[in-house]
N, C-alpha and C. Protein backbone atom coordinates (compact mmCIF):
# COMPACT_ATOMS: atom_id res chain seq x y z
N MET A 1 -1.09 -46.74 -7.81
CA MET A 1 -1.23 -48.04 -8.43
C MET A 1 -0.81 -47.90 -9.89
N GLY A 2 0.04 -48.82 -10.36
CA GLY A 2 0.51 -48.78 -11.74
C GLY A 2 -0.50 -49.40 -12.69
N ARG A 3 -0.16 -49.32 -13.94
CA ARG A 3 -1.04 -49.91 -14.95
C ARG A 3 -0.91 -51.42 -14.94
N ARG A 4 -2.00 -52.10 -15.27
CA ARG A 4 -2.05 -53.55 -15.23
C ARG A 4 -2.05 -54.11 -16.64
N LEU A 5 -1.32 -55.21 -16.84
CA LEU A 5 -1.24 -55.84 -18.16
C LEU A 5 -2.47 -56.70 -18.43
N ALA A 6 -2.94 -56.66 -19.67
CA ALA A 6 -4.08 -57.48 -20.08
C ALA A 6 -3.61 -58.78 -20.73
N THR A 7 -2.39 -58.80 -21.27
CA THR A 7 -1.86 -59.99 -21.93
C THR A 7 -0.43 -60.22 -21.46
N ALA A 8 0.07 -61.42 -21.72
CA ALA A 8 1.45 -61.72 -21.40
C ALA A 8 2.36 -61.04 -22.41
N VAL A 9 3.49 -60.51 -21.93
CA VAL A 9 4.44 -59.85 -22.82
C VAL A 9 5.85 -60.34 -22.50
N HIS A 10 6.69 -60.36 -23.52
CA HIS A 10 8.11 -60.64 -23.38
C HIS A 10 8.82 -59.32 -23.69
N VAL A 11 9.63 -58.86 -22.76
CA VAL A 11 10.26 -57.55 -22.93
C VAL A 11 11.69 -57.62 -22.40
N GLY A 12 12.57 -56.88 -23.08
CA GLY A 12 13.95 -56.80 -22.63
C GLY A 12 14.09 -55.77 -21.52
N HIS A 13 14.73 -56.16 -20.41
CA HIS A 13 14.93 -55.24 -19.30
C HIS A 13 15.91 -54.15 -19.74
N PRO A 14 15.60 -52.87 -19.49
CA PRO A 14 16.44 -51.79 -20.02
C PRO A 14 17.86 -51.73 -19.44
N THR A 15 18.08 -52.21 -18.22
CA THR A 15 19.43 -52.13 -17.64
C THR A 15 20.18 -53.45 -17.71
N THR A 16 19.51 -54.57 -17.42
CA THR A 16 20.21 -55.86 -17.41
C THR A 16 20.21 -56.53 -18.77
N ARG A 17 19.37 -56.07 -19.68
CA ARG A 17 19.24 -56.63 -21.03
C ARG A 17 18.78 -58.09 -21.04
N GLU A 18 18.20 -58.55 -19.95
CA GLU A 18 17.65 -59.90 -19.88
C GLU A 18 16.20 -59.87 -20.33
N TRP A 19 15.73 -60.98 -20.92
CA TRP A 19 14.33 -61.08 -21.33
C TRP A 19 13.49 -61.38 -20.11
N VAL A 20 12.42 -60.63 -19.96
CA VAL A 20 11.51 -60.78 -18.83
C VAL A 20 10.14 -61.13 -19.39
N VAL A 21 9.48 -62.12 -18.78
CA VAL A 21 8.13 -62.49 -19.17
C VAL A 21 7.18 -61.96 -18.11
N LEU A 22 6.26 -61.12 -18.54
CA LEU A 22 5.26 -60.56 -17.62
C LEU A 22 3.91 -61.18 -17.94
N GLU A 23 3.19 -61.56 -16.93
CA GLU A 23 1.90 -62.24 -17.07
C GLU A 23 0.74 -61.25 -17.03
N PRO A 24 -0.44 -61.65 -17.54
CA PRO A 24 -1.62 -60.78 -17.43
C PRO A 24 -1.91 -60.49 -15.95
N GLY A 25 -2.20 -59.25 -15.64
CA GLY A 25 -2.48 -58.84 -14.27
C GLY A 25 -1.27 -58.26 -13.56
N ASP A 26 -0.06 -58.44 -14.12
CA ASP A 26 1.14 -57.88 -13.51
C ASP A 26 1.13 -56.36 -13.65
N GLU A 27 1.75 -55.69 -12.68
CA GLU A 27 1.91 -54.24 -12.70
C GLU A 27 3.40 -53.93 -12.69
N PRO A 28 4.03 -53.84 -13.89
CA PRO A 28 5.48 -53.61 -13.93
C PRO A 28 5.84 -52.21 -13.47
N ASP A 29 7.10 -52.06 -12.98
CA ASP A 29 7.55 -50.73 -12.56
C ASP A 29 7.68 -49.83 -13.79
N ASP A 30 7.81 -48.54 -13.55
CA ASP A 30 7.81 -47.55 -14.63
C ASP A 30 8.92 -47.79 -15.64
N GLU A 31 10.08 -48.21 -15.19
CA GLU A 31 11.22 -48.44 -16.08
C GLU A 31 10.92 -49.56 -17.07
N LEU A 32 10.31 -50.63 -16.59
CA LEU A 32 9.96 -51.77 -17.45
C LEU A 32 8.71 -51.47 -18.28
N ALA A 33 7.78 -50.74 -17.71
CA ALA A 33 6.55 -50.40 -18.44
C ALA A 33 6.84 -49.52 -19.65
N ALA A 34 7.89 -48.72 -19.58
CA ALA A 34 8.24 -47.85 -20.70
C ALA A 34 8.69 -48.67 -21.92
N GLU A 35 9.15 -49.88 -21.70
CA GLU A 35 9.59 -50.75 -22.80
C GLU A 35 8.43 -51.44 -23.51
N ILE A 36 7.25 -51.45 -22.92
CA ILE A 36 6.07 -52.10 -23.52
C ILE A 36 5.36 -51.07 -24.38
N THR A 37 5.52 -51.22 -25.69
CA THR A 37 5.00 -50.20 -26.62
C THR A 37 3.66 -50.56 -27.23
N ASN A 38 3.19 -51.78 -27.06
CA ASN A 38 1.90 -52.18 -27.64
C ASN A 38 0.77 -51.70 -26.73
N PRO A 39 -0.09 -50.80 -27.21
CA PRO A 39 -1.17 -50.29 -26.35
C PRO A 39 -2.21 -51.36 -26.02
N HIS A 40 -2.31 -52.42 -26.83
CA HIS A 40 -3.28 -53.47 -26.56
C HIS A 40 -2.83 -54.42 -25.45
N ALA A 41 -1.61 -54.28 -24.99
CA ALA A 41 -1.11 -55.12 -23.91
C ALA A 41 -1.65 -54.68 -22.55
N TRP A 42 -2.16 -53.46 -22.47
CA TRP A 42 -2.61 -52.90 -21.20
C TRP A 42 -4.12 -53.02 -21.04
N GLU A 43 -4.56 -53.17 -19.78
CA GLU A 43 -5.99 -53.16 -19.47
C GLU A 43 -6.50 -51.73 -19.59
N ASP A 44 -7.78 -51.60 -19.91
CA ASP A 44 -8.39 -50.28 -19.97
C ASP A 44 -8.66 -49.79 -18.56
N ASP A 45 -8.14 -48.62 -18.24
CA ASP A 45 -8.37 -48.04 -16.91
C ASP A 45 -9.69 -47.32 -16.83
N GLU A 46 -10.08 -46.67 -17.93
CA GLU A 46 -11.30 -45.89 -17.95
C GLU A 46 -12.40 -46.67 -18.65
N PRO A 47 -13.62 -46.62 -18.13
CA PRO A 47 -14.71 -47.30 -18.82
C PRO A 47 -14.98 -46.63 -20.16
N THR A 48 -15.33 -47.44 -21.13
CA THR A 48 -15.62 -46.89 -22.46
C THR A 48 -17.02 -46.30 -22.49
N ALA A 49 -17.33 -45.57 -23.54
CA ALA A 49 -18.64 -44.94 -23.68
C ALA A 49 -19.75 -45.99 -23.77
N ASP A 50 -19.42 -47.16 -24.33
CA ASP A 50 -20.42 -48.22 -24.46
C ASP A 50 -20.87 -48.74 -23.10
N GLN A 51 -19.98 -48.77 -22.12
CA GLN A 51 -20.32 -49.30 -20.81
C GLN A 51 -21.15 -48.30 -20.01
N ASP A 52 -20.98 -47.02 -20.27
CA ASP A 52 -21.70 -46.00 -19.50
C ASP A 52 -23.15 -45.85 -19.95
N GLU A 53 -23.42 -46.08 -21.23
CA GLU A 53 -24.76 -45.85 -21.76
C GLU A 53 -25.64 -47.08 -21.52
N PRO A 54 -26.88 -46.86 -21.04
CA PRO A 54 -27.79 -48.01 -20.87
C PRO A 54 -28.28 -48.49 -22.23
N GLU A 55 -28.67 -49.75 -22.27
CA GLU A 55 -29.20 -50.34 -23.50
C GLU A 55 -30.57 -49.75 -23.81
N PRO A 56 -30.84 -49.43 -25.07
CA PRO A 56 -32.19 -48.95 -25.41
C PRO A 56 -33.20 -50.08 -25.27
N ASP A 57 -34.46 -49.70 -24.94
CA ASP A 57 -35.49 -50.71 -24.73
C ASP A 57 -36.05 -51.25 -26.04
N GLY A 58 -35.90 -50.52 -27.12
CA GLY A 58 -36.45 -50.93 -28.42
C GLY A 58 -35.67 -52.09 -29.01
N PRO A 59 -36.23 -52.67 -30.07
CA PRO A 59 -35.52 -53.79 -30.71
C PRO A 59 -34.24 -53.30 -31.36
N LYS A 60 -33.24 -54.17 -31.37
CA LYS A 60 -31.97 -53.82 -31.97
C LYS A 60 -32.06 -53.88 -33.47
N GLN A 61 -31.47 -52.91 -34.10
CA GLN A 61 -31.40 -52.94 -35.55
C GLN A 61 -30.20 -53.79 -35.94
N GLU A 62 -30.38 -54.57 -37.00
CA GLU A 62 -29.27 -55.39 -37.44
C GLU A 62 -28.23 -54.51 -38.11
N GLU A 63 -26.99 -54.72 -37.72
CA GLU A 63 -25.92 -53.96 -38.31
C GLU A 63 -25.47 -54.65 -39.59
N SER A 64 -25.09 -53.86 -40.56
CA SER A 64 -24.60 -54.46 -41.80
C SER A 64 -23.21 -55.01 -41.56
N PRO A 65 -22.87 -56.10 -42.21
CA PRO A 65 -21.54 -56.68 -42.02
C PRO A 65 -20.47 -55.76 -42.59
N PRO A 66 -19.22 -55.92 -42.13
CA PRO A 66 -18.14 -55.10 -42.66
C PRO A 66 -18.01 -55.29 -44.17
N PHE A 67 -17.42 -54.32 -44.82
CA PHE A 67 -17.27 -54.35 -46.27
C PHE A 67 -16.57 -55.63 -46.71
N GLY A 68 -17.18 -56.32 -47.67
CA GLY A 68 -16.58 -57.52 -48.23
C GLY A 68 -16.83 -58.78 -47.44
N PHE A 69 -17.57 -58.70 -46.34
CA PHE A 69 -17.82 -59.88 -45.53
C PHE A 69 -19.33 -60.06 -45.40
N THR A 70 -19.82 -61.21 -45.84
CA THR A 70 -21.25 -61.45 -45.78
C THR A 70 -21.63 -62.40 -44.66
N GLY A 71 -20.65 -63.03 -44.04
CA GLY A 71 -20.95 -63.97 -42.97
C GLY A 71 -21.10 -65.40 -43.46
N GLN A 72 -21.24 -65.58 -44.75
CA GLN A 72 -21.35 -66.91 -45.32
C GLN A 72 -20.31 -67.05 -46.41
N PRO A 73 -19.68 -68.22 -46.49
CA PRO A 73 -18.68 -68.38 -47.53
C PRO A 73 -19.34 -68.39 -48.91
N GLU A 74 -18.65 -67.79 -49.84
CA GLU A 74 -19.17 -67.77 -51.20
C GLU A 74 -18.87 -69.10 -51.88
N ALA A 75 -19.83 -69.56 -52.68
CA ALA A 75 -19.61 -70.78 -53.43
C ALA A 75 -18.67 -70.48 -54.59
N GLU A 76 -17.72 -71.37 -54.80
CA GLU A 76 -16.81 -71.17 -55.91
C GLU A 76 -17.55 -71.44 -57.21
N PRO A 77 -17.26 -70.67 -58.24
CA PRO A 77 -17.95 -70.92 -59.52
C PRO A 77 -17.56 -72.30 -60.06
N ALA A 78 -18.57 -73.01 -60.56
CA ALA A 78 -18.32 -74.36 -61.07
C ALA A 78 -17.55 -74.26 -62.38
N GLN A 79 -16.51 -75.06 -62.47
CA GLN A 79 -15.73 -75.11 -63.70
C GLN A 79 -16.45 -76.02 -64.68
N PRO A 80 -16.56 -75.62 -65.94
CA PRO A 80 -17.20 -76.50 -66.91
C PRO A 80 -16.33 -77.74 -67.11
N ALA A 81 -17.00 -78.84 -67.29
CA ALA A 81 -16.28 -80.10 -67.50
C ALA A 81 -15.53 -80.01 -68.82
N PRO A 82 -14.32 -80.56 -68.87
CA PRO A 82 -13.57 -80.51 -70.12
C PRO A 82 -14.28 -81.33 -71.19
N ARG A 83 -14.26 -80.84 -72.40
CA ARG A 83 -14.93 -81.54 -73.50
C ARG A 83 -14.03 -82.66 -73.98
N ARG A 84 -14.63 -83.78 -74.22
CA ARG A 84 -13.88 -84.92 -74.75
C ARG A 84 -13.82 -84.82 -76.27
N ARG A 85 -12.69 -85.14 -76.75
CA ARG A 85 -12.54 -85.17 -78.20
C ARG A 85 -12.71 -86.60 -78.68
N ARG A 86 -13.42 -86.73 -79.74
CA ARG A 86 -13.62 -88.07 -80.30
C ARG A 86 -12.62 -88.30 -81.42
N LYS A 87 -12.14 -89.49 -81.43
CA LYS A 87 -11.22 -89.84 -82.49
C LYS A 87 -12.00 -90.03 -83.78
N THR A 88 -11.46 -89.54 -84.81
CA THR A 88 -12.10 -89.76 -86.11
C THR A 88 -11.58 -91.06 -86.69
N ALA A 89 -12.44 -91.78 -87.29
CA ALA A 89 -12.04 -93.06 -87.88
C ALA A 89 -11.21 -92.80 -89.11
N ASP A 90 -10.07 -93.44 -89.19
CA ASP A 90 -9.22 -93.32 -90.38
C ASP A 90 -9.71 -94.32 -91.42
N THR A 91 -10.09 -93.82 -92.53
CA THR A 91 -10.51 -94.72 -93.62
C THR A 91 -9.57 -94.51 -94.78
N ASP A 92 -8.90 -95.57 -95.12
CA ASP A 92 -7.96 -95.50 -96.25
C ASP A 92 -8.61 -96.09 -97.46
N GLU A 93 -9.56 -95.51 -98.00
CA GLU A 93 -10.21 -96.03 -99.21
C GLU A 93 -9.97 -95.16 -100.37
């Protein structure tokens, strides 16, 4: 059984040079599969370590957000209102 695609891909056929659209779930032949260089286009064949390990019974600890991301948008600093200039009265005395 060949590898299965996880996403749709557009790839040039190596011999006919025609564009081929492959859908998720397709299993392309080896010649065409060699042209698909994005590793994220393929389904995972092996279960990851996260799927093999059972969930702990204790409460989950909150994970800190990634660097620079707090989960809430930051408020933009308020710009001070421009100061109005008052005209001085011209007195010709």
